Protein backbone atom coordinates (compact mmCIF):
# COMPACT_ATOMS: atom_id res chain seq x y z
CA MET A 1 127.83 42.36 40.41
CA LYS A 2 131.21 42.27 38.30
CA LYS A 3 132.17 44.18 35.39
CA GLN A 4 134.13 42.78 32.43
CA SER A 5 137.29 44.61 31.73
CA GLY A 6 137.28 46.58 28.65
CA THR A 7 133.80 45.53 27.72
CA GLU A 8 131.77 47.35 30.62
CA LYS A 9 128.97 44.61 30.68
CA ASN A 10 127.94 43.90 33.78
CA THR A 11 128.02 40.33 34.57
CA VAL A 12 126.66 37.89 37.19
CA PRO A 13 128.97 34.93 38.56
CA GLY A 14 127.76 31.51 37.25
CA ARG A 15 125.47 32.56 34.25
CA ILE A 16 127.07 31.89 30.72
CA TYR A 17 126.56 34.83 28.28
CA PHE A 18 125.59 34.57 24.43
CA LYS A 19 125.94 37.53 22.36
CA ASN A 20 124.11 37.33 18.71
CA PRO A 21 126.49 38.62 16.24
CA LYS A 22 124.48 39.85 13.88
CA THR A 23 121.63 41.71 16.24
CA GLY A 24 124.29 42.44 19.13
CA GLU A 25 121.40 40.74 21.39
CA ILE A 26 122.97 39.09 24.56
CA GLN A 27 120.81 36.65 26.55
CA SER A 28 122.54 34.31 29.37
CA THR A 29 121.85 31.15 31.14
CA GLY A 30 122.75 29.29 34.39
CA THR A 31 124.85 27.02 35.22
CA GLY A 32 122.51 24.93 37.68
CA PHE A 33 118.61 24.27 38.17
CA ASN A 34 116.42 26.00 35.94
CA TYR A 35 113.37 26.91 37.97
CA PRO A 36 111.82 28.75 35.50
CA LEU A 37 111.89 26.09 32.65
CA SER A 38 110.90 23.63 35.31
CA ALA A 39 107.92 25.08 37.49
CA PHE A 40 106.28 27.19 34.27
CA SER A 41 106.57 25.14 31.15
CA ILE A 42 103.82 23.61 32.25
CA ALA A 43 101.39 26.65 31.46
CA TRP A 44 101.11 25.86 27.76
CA GLY A 45 105.24 25.31 27.03
CA ILE A 46 105.25 29.47 26.84
CA PRO A 47 108.55 29.32 28.60
CA LEU A 48 109.75 26.92 26.21
CA PHE A 49 108.98 29.23 23.00
CA ILE A 50 109.82 32.25 24.16
CA LYS A 51 113.77 30.86 24.92
CA ASN A 52 113.67 29.24 21.25
CA LEU A 53 112.54 25.59 22.42
CA HIS A 54 109.94 24.86 20.32
CA SER A 55 110.55 21.34 19.77
CA TRP A 56 109.52 20.64 24.25
CA GLY A 57 107.08 23.64 23.80
CA TYR A 58 105.41 21.34 21.06
CA ILE A 59 105.66 18.31 23.95
CA TYR A 60 104.14 20.61 26.60
CA LEU A 61 101.65 22.28 24.14
CA THR A 62 100.52 18.46 23.35
CA PHE A 63 100.38 17.13 26.69
CA MET A 64 98.15 20.37 27.92
CA SER A 65 96.04 19.49 24.60
CA VAL A 66 96.02 16.04 25.88
CA TYR A 67 94.76 17.15 29.06
CA LEU A 68 91.72 19.15 27.97
CA LEU A 69 90.58 15.70 26.22
CA LEU A 70 91.22 13.66 30.22
CA TYR A 71 89.69 16.65 31.90
CA PRO A 72 86.29 14.69 31.64
CA GLN A 73 88.11 11.53 33.58
CA PHE A 74 89.78 13.94 35.39
CA ARG A 75 86.43 15.37 36.85
CA ASN A 76 85.04 11.92 37.43
CA ARG A 77 87.84 11.34 39.38
CA GLU A 78 89.21 8.19 38.11
CA PHE A 79 92.91 8.40 39.39
CA GLY A 80 94.27 6.46 36.60
CA ALA A 81 94.76 8.91 34.14
CA ILE A 82 95.59 11.96 36.42
CA ILE A 83 98.42 9.71 38.48
CA VAL A 84 99.83 8.98 34.84
CA PHE A 85 99.78 12.47 33.51
CA ILE A 86 100.95 14.03 36.84
CA LEU A 87 104.20 11.72 36.50
CA VAL A 88 104.72 12.28 33.22
CA ILE A 89 104.55 16.31 33.38
CA GLY A 90 106.85 15.66 36.72
CA THR A 91 109.36 13.95 34.97
CA LEU A 92 109.65 16.46 31.78
CA SER A 93 109.75 19.30 34.47
CA THR A 94 112.06 17.65 36.13
CA TYR A 95 114.53 16.92 33.29
CA LEU A 96 113.77 20.32 32.18
CA GLY A 97 114.91 22.07 35.32
CA PHE A 98 118.26 19.71 35.40
CA LYS A 99 119.04 20.14 31.50
CA GLY A 100 117.36 23.08 30.22
CA ASN A 101 119.94 25.17 30.83
CA ARG A 102 122.47 22.20 28.47
CA LEU A 103 119.42 22.80 25.83
CA LEU A 104 119.49 26.38 25.69
CA ALA A 105 123.28 26.50 25.10
CA ILE A 106 123.27 24.43 22.66
CA ASN A 107 120.56 25.79 20.99
CA TYR A 108 122.25 29.14 20.89
CA LEU A 109 125.69 27.64 19.72
CA GLN A 110 123.71 25.97 16.58
CA ASN A 111 122.41 29.39 15.61
CA GLY A 112 125.67 31.15 15.70
CA TRP A 113 125.42 33.12 19.02
CA GLN A 114 128.67 33.15 20.82
CA ILE A 115 129.92 32.84 24.18
CA GLN A 116 130.54 36.45 25.88
CA ASN A 117 132.81 34.89 28.84
CA PRO A 118 134.63 31.86 27.89
CA GLU A 119 137.76 32.70 29.97
CA GLU A 120 135.62 32.13 33.74
CA ALA A 121 136.91 28.85 35.48
CA GLY A 122 132.95 28.42 36.00
CA VAL A 123 132.25 29.11 32.30
CA ALA A 124 134.97 26.22 31.04
CA ASP A 125 134.07 23.56 34.41
CA THR A 126 130.49 23.83 32.83
CA PHE A 127 130.64 23.20 29.48
CA ARG A 128 133.19 20.23 30.32
CA LYS A 129 130.58 18.98 32.50
CA TRP A 130 127.61 19.48 30.30
CA GLY A 131 129.79 17.81 27.06
CA LEU A 132 130.36 20.71 24.79
CA GLU A 133 133.33 22.14 23.60
CA ILE A 134 133.50 26.34 24.15
CA LYS A 135 133.98 27.93 20.14
């Protein structure tokens, strides 16, 4: 782990750190594929609600509710509904894997959080790639 000079906080290269100025809480997000959001959001959107991506959490909650409604068709092996459901959930999960960190960064910035490590080259490159401005 690398230490930031003067602040004595441990940081991990390739991560973007955000600080809530009101509470002092620090959260981080990665710069690549977000595996937890991609893989575990199917669990009723719980990781999305934890990360304050409520609108995406409600989307997954809706799809899981639809799954409960379609469950009798799944048991009767009506493969059309199964294939459509898997394609939709798979597409959403893949999208969240690729765009999840960007969505988290936008959410933190909109809620007044401040970037803790804007001087790192990887952070600036990532924000430029995401089309966001470092504040």
